[in-house]
């Protein structure tokens, strides 16, 4: 089979190359996962939790290598230190709530009846992980799936294929059997064949809408449950009573961090007319403090996008918007590292509207459009005018106002005075073209288990 190449955005070199499994080999791998599942689920819950936590500790011990590999694979500056904060917090929280969440819910326990609802592992969980936060997005499903008693087959994005290998090394070194957690390299055809032939009991996919549609087509008629997180076009709304300095700092960081390659990154901002001019001025000044450069250089705060073809999409959106009347406020000459390829200067656009792709289609890059609004009603209309619904960020001084506005926004998460963040105690979910299902929180365990009812009568 044709090898899959990982092209580094740092210098355009082939950083890694792997040959995908043949259909027969991939089918055998899925079969081994199924054969190992009952034995894994039979282990005490406390033992499974301890093994998973030990595996994550192994990841932490390998931090220097992992951080450098991430820079080579997807361009994130090494100064940010990888994804260990989130990985550790999510693992710890899901481990803490496992016993209570997975415990049977007793309806009656008397001298005549014992009735309860238990949670049972689904079986084999298939994770198709993305490149933008390659460890965090995998951990979101991997940790609860293994703790709940499932076996896991991981297929990582080709752009970050070494992440799957590092995870497998860490988990196997902790004592988790090789067949319980397998990292595989698959092409699209083999992936779809396995799904269509019921090789898995649950499929979790994070990626594009087109990728999610391909997963749904492959699973059609199999009744395999799916978890699909397909991106977003997340808005921020700055009300008249907002803390301006805090809003600029958080929203612009949410728009630019990781070169804008965040599912829940801020891609469009609506500012009350009373604060608009000041917000735009401060936002431009904030962006000008960024340093685009090689991710291994200590002063680089913005690295290359993961692939030059991703940067090309953003460049085309910006060019189309400017041609249609938008104004670009950042001179690319301020960022000499912009090479017309993967290294892309950040951009702030004004005079934008929803006829422009940059305000409607996912950009997934370091660009944000800012629009002036006159009141909450206009802001709500614009925030909801999107095919996506992952998060929305509201900037106000009042909890009740944020909650009332949030109730009217079609999205999965409402933030007040914060953005671009995952709280492991809250469900990570979305609506519309963002997908379906949910991870993290106690609901994350419900996604990878099924209810099983027991009605026991004494005679």
Protein backbone atom coordinates (compact mmCIF):
# COMPACT_ATOMS: atom_id res chain seq x y z
CA UNK A 1 0.00 0.00 0.00
CA UNK A 2 1.07 3.59 -0.61
CA UNK A 3 2.83 5.09 2.44
CA UNK A 4 1.21 8.01 4.26
CA UNK A 5 3.57 10.94 4.65
CA UNK A 6 3.61 13.53 7.40
CA UNK A 7 4.87 16.81 5.88
CA UNK A 8 6.21 19.12 8.59
CA UNK A 9 4.93 22.69 8.37
CA UNK A 10 8.18 23.89 9.94
CA UNK A 11 10.31 23.33 6.84
CA UNK A 12 8.21 21.33 4.37
CA UNK A 13 10.23 18.14 4.91
CA UNK A 14 8.86 14.61 5.24
CA UNK A 15 8.97 14.24 9.02
CA UNK A 16 7.46 10.75 9.21
CA UNK A 17 6.14 8.07 6.90
CA UNK A 18 4.02 5.05 7.72
CA UNK A 19 2.38 2.33 5.62
CA UNK A 20 -1.32 1.85 6.38
CA UNK A 21 -2.59 -1.55 7.42
CA UNK A 22 -4.09 -3.80 4.79
CA UNK A 23 -7.78 -4.58 5.13
CA UNK A 24 -7.03 -8.07 6.45
CA UNK A 25 -4.54 -6.80 9.02
CA UNK A 26 -6.88 -4.02 10.14
CA UNK A 27 -9.78 -6.47 10.46
CA UNK A 28 -7.60 -8.74 12.57
CA UNK A 29 -6.65 -5.81 14.82
CA UNK A 30 -10.31 -4.95 15.43
CA UNK A 31 -11.02 -8.63 16.15
CA UNK A 32 -8.24 -8.72 18.75
CA UNK A 33 -9.74 -5.66 20.42
CA UNK A 34 -13.11 -7.40 20.59
CA UNK A 35 -11.61 -10.59 21.99
CA UNK A 36 -9.79 -8.64 24.70
CA UNK A 37 -12.74 -6.54 25.80
CA UNK A 38 -14.52 -8.92 28.18
CA UNK A 39 -11.35 -9.65 30.09
CA UNK A 40 -10.53 -5.96 30.38
CA UNK A 41 -14.05 -5.11 31.57
CA UNK A 42 -13.83 -7.88 34.18
CA UNK A 43 -10.93 -6.16 35.89
CA UNK A 44 -11.86 -4.09 38.96
CA UNK A 45 -12.77 -0.50 38.17
CA UNK A 46 -10.12 0.76 40.59
CA UNK A 47 -7.47 -1.18 38.68
CA UNK A 48 -8.53 0.25 35.33
CA UNK A 49 -8.46 3.78 36.76
CA UNK A 50 -4.99 3.25 38.23
CA UNK A 51 -3.61 1.91 34.95
CA UNK A 52 -5.00 4.83 32.94
CA UNK A 53 -3.57 7.35 35.40
CA UNK A 54 -0.21 5.61 35.28
CA UNK A 55 -0.29 5.79 31.49
CA UNK A 56 -0.88 9.54 31.56
CA UNK A 57 1.97 9.88 34.06
CA UNK A 58 4.17 8.16 31.46
CA UNK A 59 3.13 10.79 28.92
CA UNK A 60 4.19 13.55 31.29
CA UNK A 61 7.56 11.88 31.79
CA UNK A 62 8.09 12.05 28.03
CA UNK A 63 7.18 15.75 27.79
CA UNK A 64 10.33 17.17 26.16
CA UNK A 65 10.18 14.71 23.27
CA UNK A 66 6.43 15.14 22.85
CA UNK A 67 6.59 18.96 22.81
CA UNK A 68 9.31 18.94 20.14
CA UNK A 69 7.41 16.39 18.04
CA UNK A 70 4.26 18.51 18.21
CA UNK A 71 6.16 21.48 16.84
CA UNK A 72 7.51 19.42 13.95
CA UNK A 73 4.14 17.80 13.22
CA UNK A 74 1.67 20.70 13.45
CA UNK A 75 3.69 23.83 14.13
CA UNK A 76 2.78 24.84 17.69
CA UNK A 77 5.57 26.85 19.36
CA UNK A 78 7.47 24.87 21.97
CA UNK A 79 7.20 27.76 24.44
CA UNK A 80 3.60 26.63 25.15
CA UNK A 81 4.76 23.25 26.43
CA UNK A 82 2.34 20.84 24.78
CA UNK A 83 -1.08 19.91 26.10
CA UNK A 84 -0.26 18.39 29.47
CA UNK A 85 -2.30 20.78 31.61
CA UNK A 86 -5.54 19.81 29.91
CA UNK A 87 -4.59 16.15 29.57
CA UNK A 88 -3.89 15.89 33.28
CA UNK A 89 -6.95 17.85 34.40
CA UNK A 90 -9.33 15.84 32.23
CA UNK A 91 -7.82 12.51 33.24
CA UNK A 92 -7.99 13.43 36.91
CA UNK A 93 -11.59 14.61 36.78
CA UNK A 94 -12.90 11.65 34.79
CA UNK A 95 -11.07 9.31 37.17
CA UNK A 96 -12.61 11.05 40.18
CA UNK A 97 -16.19 10.72 38.97
CA UNK A 98 -15.90 7.22 37.50
CA UNK A 99 -17.04 5.28 40.56
CA UNK A 100 -20.14 7.38 41.20
CA UNK A 101 -21.09 7.74 37.54
CA UNK A 102 -20.70 4.07 36.65
CA UNK A 103 -22.33 2.77 39.84
CA UNK A 104 -25.69 1.02 39.45
CA UNK A 105 -28.71 3.19 40.15
CA UNK A 106 -30.90 1.28 42.59
CA UNK A 107 -34.67 1.55 42.24
CA UNK A 108 -35.58 -1.05 44.89
CA UNK A 109 -33.68 -3.41 47.15
CA UNK A 110 -36.20 -5.20 49.37
CA UNK A 111 -37.00 -8.70 50.55
CA UNK A 112 -39.07 -9.18 47.37
CA UNK A 113 -37.30 -7.28 44.58
CA UNK A 114 -33.94 -5.98 43.59
CA UNK A 115 -34.29 -3.52 40.71
CA UNK A 116 -31.51 -1.38 39.34
CA UNK A 117 -29.98 0.12 36.21
CA UNK A 118 -26.33 -0.66 35.54
CA UNK A 119 -23.90 0.83 33.05
CA UNK A 120 -22.15 -1.63 30.73
CA UNK A 121 -19.23 -0.97 28.39
CA UNK A 122 -20.23 -0.73 24.73
CA UNK A 123 -17.38 -2.97 23.54
CA UNK A 124 -14.80 -1.67 21.06
CA UNK A 125 -14.46 2.11 20.80
CA UNK A 126 -12.92 3.56 17.63
CA UNK A 127 -11.35 7.02 17.94
CA UNK A 128 -10.55 9.02 14.81
CA UNK A 129 -8.53 11.93 16.21
CA UNK A 130 -7.59 15.31 14.70
CA UNK A 131 -4.25 17.07 14.46
CA UNK A 132 -4.98 20.46 16.02
CA UNK A 133 -5.03 19.31 19.67
CA UNK A 134 -3.93 15.74 19.07
CA UNK A 135 -3.47 14.63 22.68
CA UNK A 136 -6.39 16.47 24.26
CA UNK A 137 -8.98 15.37 21.72
CA UNK A 138 -7.87 11.75 22.04
CA UNK A 139 -7.84 11.82 25.84
CA UNK A 140 -11.43 13.14 25.88
CA UNK A 141 -12.69 9.72 24.74
CA UNK A 142 -9.76 7.41 25.43
CA UNK A 143 -9.74 7.89 29.20
CA UNK A 144 -13.46 7.34 29.89
CA UNK A 145 -13.65 4.54 27.34
CA UNK A 146 -10.88 2.50 28.96
CA UNK A 147 -12.00 3.25 32.50
CA UNK A 148 -15.55 2.13 31.63
CA UNK A 149 -14.26 -1.23 30.37
CA UNK A 150 -14.11 -0.75 26.62
CA UNK A 151 -11.16 -1.59 24.42
CA UNK A 152 -9.96 1.18 22.10
CA UNK A 153 -8.65 1.36 18.55
CA UNK A 154 -7.11 4.74 17.72
CA UNK A 155 -6.59 6.13 14.22
CA UNK A 156 -4.80 9.44 14.41
CA UNK A 157 -4.69 12.15 11.75
CA UNK A 158 -1.83 11.71 9.31
CA UNK A 159 -0.56 15.19 10.24
CA UNK A 160 0.06 13.97 13.82
CA UNK A 161 0.52 10.25 13.33
CA UNK A 162 3.33 10.06 15.89
CA UNK A 163 0.89 11.08 18.63
CA UNK A 164 -0.87 7.73 18.39
CA UNK A 165 2.46 5.97 18.74
CA UNK A 166 3.43 7.97 21.83
CA UNK A 167 0.06 7.27 23.43
CA UNK A 168 0.38 3.54 22.74
CA UNK A 169 3.88 3.46 24.18
CA UNK A 170 2.78 5.24 27.36
CA UNK A 171 -0.33 3.14 27.90
CA UNK A 172 1.38 -0.17 27.19
CA UNK A 173 4.29 0.71 29.48
CA UNK A 174 1.75 1.31 32.25
CA UNK A 175 0.49 -2.26 31.90
CA UNK A 176 -2.53 -1.80 29.66
CA UNK A 177 -2.49 -4.81 27.30
CA UNK A 178 -1.56 -4.25 23.66
CA UNK A 179 -4.92 -5.56 22.41
CA UNK A 180 -6.87 -3.35 24.84
CA UNK A 181 -5.47 -0.16 23.32
CA UNK A 182 -4.22 -0.26 19.75
CA UNK A 183 -2.86 2.54 17.60
CA UNK A 184 -3.38 1.88 13.88
CA UNK A 185 -2.57 3.63 10.61
CA UNK A 186 -5.48 3.33 8.18
CA UNK A 187 -6.49 4.81 4.86
CA UNK A 188 -10.00 6.14 4.31
CA UNK A 189 -11.28 3.09 2.43
CA UNK A 190 -10.21 0.65 5.13
CA UNK A 191 -11.62 2.89 7.86
CA UNK A 192 -15.00 3.05 6.14
CA UNK A 193 -15.01 -0.71 5.50
CA UNK A 194 -14.41 -1.49 9.18
CA UNK A 195 -17.19 0.85 10.29
CA UNK A 196 -19.61 -0.51 7.70
CA UNK A 197 -18.90 -4.08 8.83
CA UNK A 198 -19.61 -3.38 12.50
CA UNK A 199 -16.04 -3.77 13.67
CA UNK A 200 -16.73 -1.17 16.37
CA UNK A 201 -19.44 -0.49 18.93
CA UNK A 202 -18.88 3.26 19.07
CA UNK A 203 -17.12 5.66 16.74
CA UNK A 204 -15.81 9.02 17.93
CA UNK A 205 -14.69 11.39 15.17
CA UNK A 206 -13.32 14.92 15.44
CA UNK A 207 -12.74 16.72 12.16
CA UNK A 208 -14.46 18.33 9.20
CA UNK A 209 -18.12 18.26 8.26
CA UNK A 210 -17.20 16.28 5.16
CA UNK A 211 -15.34 13.75 7.28
CA UNK A 212 -18.32 13.42 9.60
CA UNK A 213 -20.62 12.85 6.66
CA UNK A 214 -18.30 10.09 5.40
CA UNK A 215 -18.42 8.44 8.84
CA UNK A 216 -22.22 8.63 8.87
CA UNK A 217 -22.45 7.11 5.40
CA UNK A 218 -20.14 4.26 6.39
CA UNK A 219 -22.17 3.58 9.54
CA UNK A 220 -25.56 3.77 7.83
CA UNK A 221 -27.71 0.80 8.74
CA UNK A 222 -25.27 -0.57 11.31
CA UNK A 223 -26.87 1.23 14.27
CA UNK A 224 -23.37 2.01 15.52
CA UNK A 225 -23.56 5.05 17.81
CA UNK A 226 -21.45 8.00 16.71
CA UNK A 227 -19.86 10.96 18.44
CA UNK A 228 -19.11 13.70 15.92
CA UNK A 229 -17.38 17.01 16.69
CA UNK A 230 -17.09 18.80 13.39
CA UNK A 231 -15.74 22.25 14.17
CA UNK A 232 -17.27 25.66 14.54
CA UNK A 233 -17.44 29.34 13.70
CA UNK A 234 -17.56 30.52 17.27
CA UNK A 235 -18.72 34.07 18.03
CA UNK A 236 -17.81 36.52 20.74
CA UNK A 237 -20.21 39.30 21.76
CA UNK A 238 -18.95 42.35 23.66
CA UNK A 239 -21.83 44.16 25.36
CA UNK A 240 -21.77 47.81 26.42
CA UNK A 241 -21.12 46.81 30.05
CA UNK A 242 -18.15 44.57 29.23
CA UNK A 243 -14.67 44.89 30.69
CA UNK A 244 -12.97 46.08 27.51
CA UNK A 245 -9.39 45.17 28.38
CA UNK A 246 -10.33 41.66 29.46
CA UNK A 247 -12.52 41.16 26.40
CA UNK A 248 -9.77 42.17 23.98
CA UNK A 249 -7.13 40.04 25.66
CA UNK A 250 -9.22 36.86 25.88
CA UNK A 251 -11.06 37.10 22.57
CA UNK A 252 -7.96 37.89 20.55
CA UNK A 253 -6.04 35.10 22.23
CA UNK A 254 -8.99 32.84 21.44
CA UNK A 255 -8.78 33.91 17.80
CA UNK A 256 -5.01 33.61 17.36
CA UNK A 257 -3.69 30.91 19.70
CA UNK A 258 -2.45 27.77 17.95
CA UNK A 259 -2.46 29.81 14.72
CA UNK A 260 -6.25 29.96 15.03
CA UNK A 261 -6.48 26.18 14.68
CA UNK A 262 -8.90 25.58 17.55
CA UNK A 263 -12.32 23.97 17.21
CA UNK A 264 -13.66 26.48 19.73
CA UNK A 265 -11.44 29.36 18.64
CA UNK A 266 -13.06 32.78 18.21
CA UNK A 267 -13.69 33.38 14.49
CA UNK A 268 -16.10 36.33 14.54
CA UNK A 269 -16.64 39.15 17.04
CA UNK A 270 -19.65 41.45 17.50
CA UNK A 271 -19.07 44.60 19.55
CA UNK A 272 -21.61 47.07 20.89
CA UNK A 273 -21.34 50.36 19.01
CA UNK A 274 -20.32 52.24 22.18
CA UNK A 275 -17.16 50.12 22.53
CA UNK A 276 -16.50 49.23 18.90
CA UNK A 277 -13.81 51.76 17.99
CA UNK A 278 -11.88 51.21 21.20
CA UNK A 279 -12.14 47.44 20.88
CA UNK A 280 -10.85 47.43 17.30
CA UNK A 281 -7.95 49.74 18.17
CA UNK A 282 -6.90 47.56 21.11
CA UNK A 283 -7.42 44.34 19.14
CA UNK A 284 -5.08 45.53 16.38
CA UNK A 285 -2.47 46.56 18.94
CA UNK A 286 -2.77 43.14 20.60
CA UNK A 287 -2.20 41.26 17.35
CA UNK A 288 0.83 43.39 16.52
CA UNK A 289 2.58 42.03 19.63
CA UNK A 290 2.59 38.50 18.17
CA UNK A 291 5.77 37.05 16.72
CA UNK A 292 5.34 34.71 13.74
CA UNK A 293 8.26 32.37 13.36
CA UNK A 294 9.87 28.97 13.67
CA UNK A 295 8.14 27.16 16.56
CA UNK A 296 11.51 26.23 18.07
CA UNK A 297 12.53 29.87 18.51
CA UNK A 298 11.89 31.05 22.06
CA UNK A 299 10.22 34.31 21.06
CA UNK A 300 7.80 32.79 18.54
CA UNK A 301 4.23 33.14 19.79
CA UNK A 302 2.67 32.15 16.47
CA UNK A 303 3.92 29.18 14.50
CA UNK A 304 3.08 27.98 11.00
CA UNK A 305 -0.30 26.50 10.22
CA UNK A 306 -0.23 22.71 10.13
CA UNK A 307 -0.20 22.53 6.34
CA UNK A 308 0.23 25.05 3.55
CA UNK A 309 -3.10 23.99 2.03
CA UNK A 310 -4.86 25.05 5.28
CA UNK A 311 -3.16 28.45 5.06
CA UNK A 312 -4.25 28.75 1.43
CA UNK A 313 -7.90 28.50 2.51
CA UNK A 314 -7.47 31.36 4.98
CA UNK A 315 -5.61 33.49 2.45
CA UNK A 316 -8.42 33.01 -0.07
CA UNK A 317 -11.08 33.95 2.50
CA UNK A 318 -9.21 37.14 3.38
CA UNK A 319 -8.64 38.08 -0.27
CA UNK A 320 -12.30 37.52 -1.15
CA UNK A 321 -13.46 39.60 1.81
CA UNK A 322 -11.16 42.50 0.95
CA UNK A 323 -12.30 42.37 -2.66
CA UNK A 324 -15.89 42.59 -1.42
CA UNK A 325 -15.22 45.67 0.71
CA UNK A 326 -13.66 44.43 3.94
CA UNK A 327 -10.70 46.32 5.38
CA UNK A 328 -7.60 44.44 6.56
CA UNK A 329 -6.04 46.22 9.54
CA UNK A 330 -2.78 44.26 9.82
CA UNK A 331 0.02 44.90 7.34
CA UNK A 332 1.52 41.47 6.53
CA UNK A 333 4.90 43.21 6.21
CA UNK A 334 4.92 43.38 10.01
CA UNK A 335 5.31 39.60 9.94
CA UNK A 336 8.24 38.91 7.59
CA UNK A 337 8.13 35.18 8.34
CA UNK A 338 4.96 34.95 6.20
CA UNK A 339 6.25 32.87 3.30
CA UNK A 340 3.07 32.47 1.28
CA UNK A 341 2.95 28.88 2.48
CA UNK A 342 2.30 27.44 5.94
CA UNK A 343 3.62 30.57 7.72
CA UNK A 344 0.71 33.02 7.64
CA UNK A 345 0.52 36.53 9.13
CA UNK A 346 -2.44 37.10 11.47
CA UNK A 347 -5.23 39.36 10.26
CA UNK A 348 -8.05 41.46 11.69
CA UNK A 349 -10.87 42.42 9.32
CA UNK A 350 -13.53 45.14 9.67
CA UNK A 351 -16.28 46.28 7.29
CA UNK A 352 -17.23 42.61 7.08
CA UNK A 353 -20.69 41.08 6.78
CA UNK A 354 -22.28 37.68 6.52
CA UNK A 355 -22.17 37.59 2.74
CA UNK A 356 -18.44 36.88 3.11
CA UNK A 357 -17.01 33.38 3.52
CA UNK A 358 -14.67 34.59 6.25
CA UNK A 359 -17.72 35.28 8.45
CA UNK A 360 -19.70 32.14 7.57
CA UNK A 361 -17.32 29.29 6.75
CA UNK A 362 -14.84 27.84 9.20
CA UNK A 363 -11.46 29.56 8.73
CA UNK A 364 -9.40 27.57 11.25
CA UNK A 365 -6.59 30.08 10.96
CA UNK A 366 -5.28 33.35 12.46
CA UNK A 367 -7.98 35.67 11.14
CA UNK A 368 -11.00 37.26 12.78
CA UNK A 369 -13.75 39.57 11.53
CA UNK A 370 -15.21 42.27 13.80
CA UNK A 371 -18.66 43.81 13.32
CA UNK A 372 -20.46 46.65 15.10
CA UNK A 373 -23.92 45.95 16.61
CA UNK A 374 -26.46 48.29 18.14
CA UNK A 375 -28.06 45.96 20.71
CA UNK A 376 -28.51 42.42 22.02
CA UNK A 377 -31.16 41.56 19.44
CA UNK A 378 -28.83 42.31 16.53
CA UNK A 379 -25.99 40.40 18.18
CA UNK A 380 -28.20 37.36 18.78
CA UNK A 381 -29.40 37.35 15.19
CA UNK A 382 -25.83 37.44 13.88
CA UNK A 383 -24.50 34.85 16.33
CA UNK A 384 -27.22 32.41 15.31
CA UNK A 385 -26.68 33.09 11.61
CA UNK A 386 -24.23 30.21 11.25
CA UNK A 387 -24.33 26.56 10.23
CA UNK A 388 -22.22 25.75 13.30
CA UNK A 389 -22.90 25.69 17.03
CA UNK A 390 -19.99 24.80 19.32
CA UNK A 391 -19.38 27.69 21.74
CA UNK A 392 -20.34 31.35 22.14
CA UNK A 393 -18.60 33.93 24.31
CA UNK A 394 -20.60 36.76 25.95
CA UNK A 395 -18.87 39.69 27.62
CA UNK A 396 -20.99 41.37 30.26
CA UNK A 397 -20.96 42.27 33.95
CA UNK A 398 -24.10 40.31 34.78
CA UNK A 399 -24.62 36.54 35.22
CA UNK A 400 -28.36 36.71 34.60
CA UNK A 401 -27.93 38.63 31.36
CA UNK A 402 -25.37 36.13 30.09
CA UNK A 403 -27.65 33.21 30.95
CA UNK A 404 -30.69 34.84 29.34
CA UNK A 405 -28.79 35.59 26.15
CA UNK A 406 -27.19 32.16 26.22
CA UNK A 407 -30.60 30.51 26.28
CA UNK A 408 -31.30 32.11 22.90
CA UNK A 409 -28.04 31.14 21.21
CA UNK A 410 -27.88 27.92 19.20
CA UNK A 411 -24.67 26.46 20.56
CA UNK A 412 -23.23 23.73 22.76
CA UNK A 413 -21.48 25.88 25.38
CA UNK A 414 -22.06 29.42 26.61
CA UNK A 415 -19.12 31.30 28.07
CA UNK A 416 -19.33 34.51 30.06
CA UNK A 417 -16.10 36.52 30.13
CA UNK A 418 -14.07 33.56 28.90
CA UNK A 419 -13.48 31.71 25.63
CA UNK A 420 -11.64 28.83 23.98
CA UNK A 421 -11.67 26.59 27.05
CA UNK A 422 -12.86 23.11 27.98
CA UNK A 423 -14.07 22.45 31.53
CA UNK A 424 -13.85 18.68 32.19
CA UNK A 425 -16.85 18.90 34.55
CA UNK A 426 -19.06 20.26 31.76
CA UNK A 427 -20.16 18.35 28.67
CA UNK A 428 -18.32 19.18 25.46
CA UNK A 429 -21.04 19.15 22.85
CA UNK A 430 -22.46 21.05 19.91
CA UNK A 431 -25.42 21.42 17.58
CA UNK A 432 -26.17 22.01 13.91
CA UNK A 433 -23.21 21.17 11.64
CA UNK A 434 -20.91 21.02 14.64
CA UNK A 435 -22.19 17.49 15.09
CA UNK A 436 -23.72 15.37 17.80
CA UNK A 437 -22.88 13.55 21.00
CA UNK A 438 -20.86 14.74 23.96
CA UNK A 439 -17.62 14.07 25.78
CA UNK A 440 -16.22 14.95 29.23
CA UNK A 441 -18.36 15.39 32.38
CA UNK A 442 -20.44 12.46 33.63
CA UNK A 443 -22.10 12.42 30.22
CA UNK A 444 -18.78 11.40 28.72
CA UNK A 445 -19.10 8.07 30.52
CA UNK A 446 -22.68 7.67 29.35
CA UNK A 447 -21.49 8.01 25.73
CA UNK A 448 -19.20 4.97 26.02
CA UNK A 449 -21.56 2.78 28.05
CA UNK A 450 -25.12 1.55 27.71
CA UNK A 451 -27.84 1.15 30.32
CA UNK A 452 -28.68 -2.39 31.38
CA UNK A 453 -31.73 -2.98 33.55
CA UNK A 454 -31.97 -5.69 36.23
CA UNK A 455 -35.36 -6.78 37.55
CA UNK A 456 -34.72 -9.53 40.12
CA UNK A 457 -37.62 -11.13 41.97
CA UNK A 458 -37.45 -13.51 44.92
CA UNK A 459 -39.95 -16.41 44.99
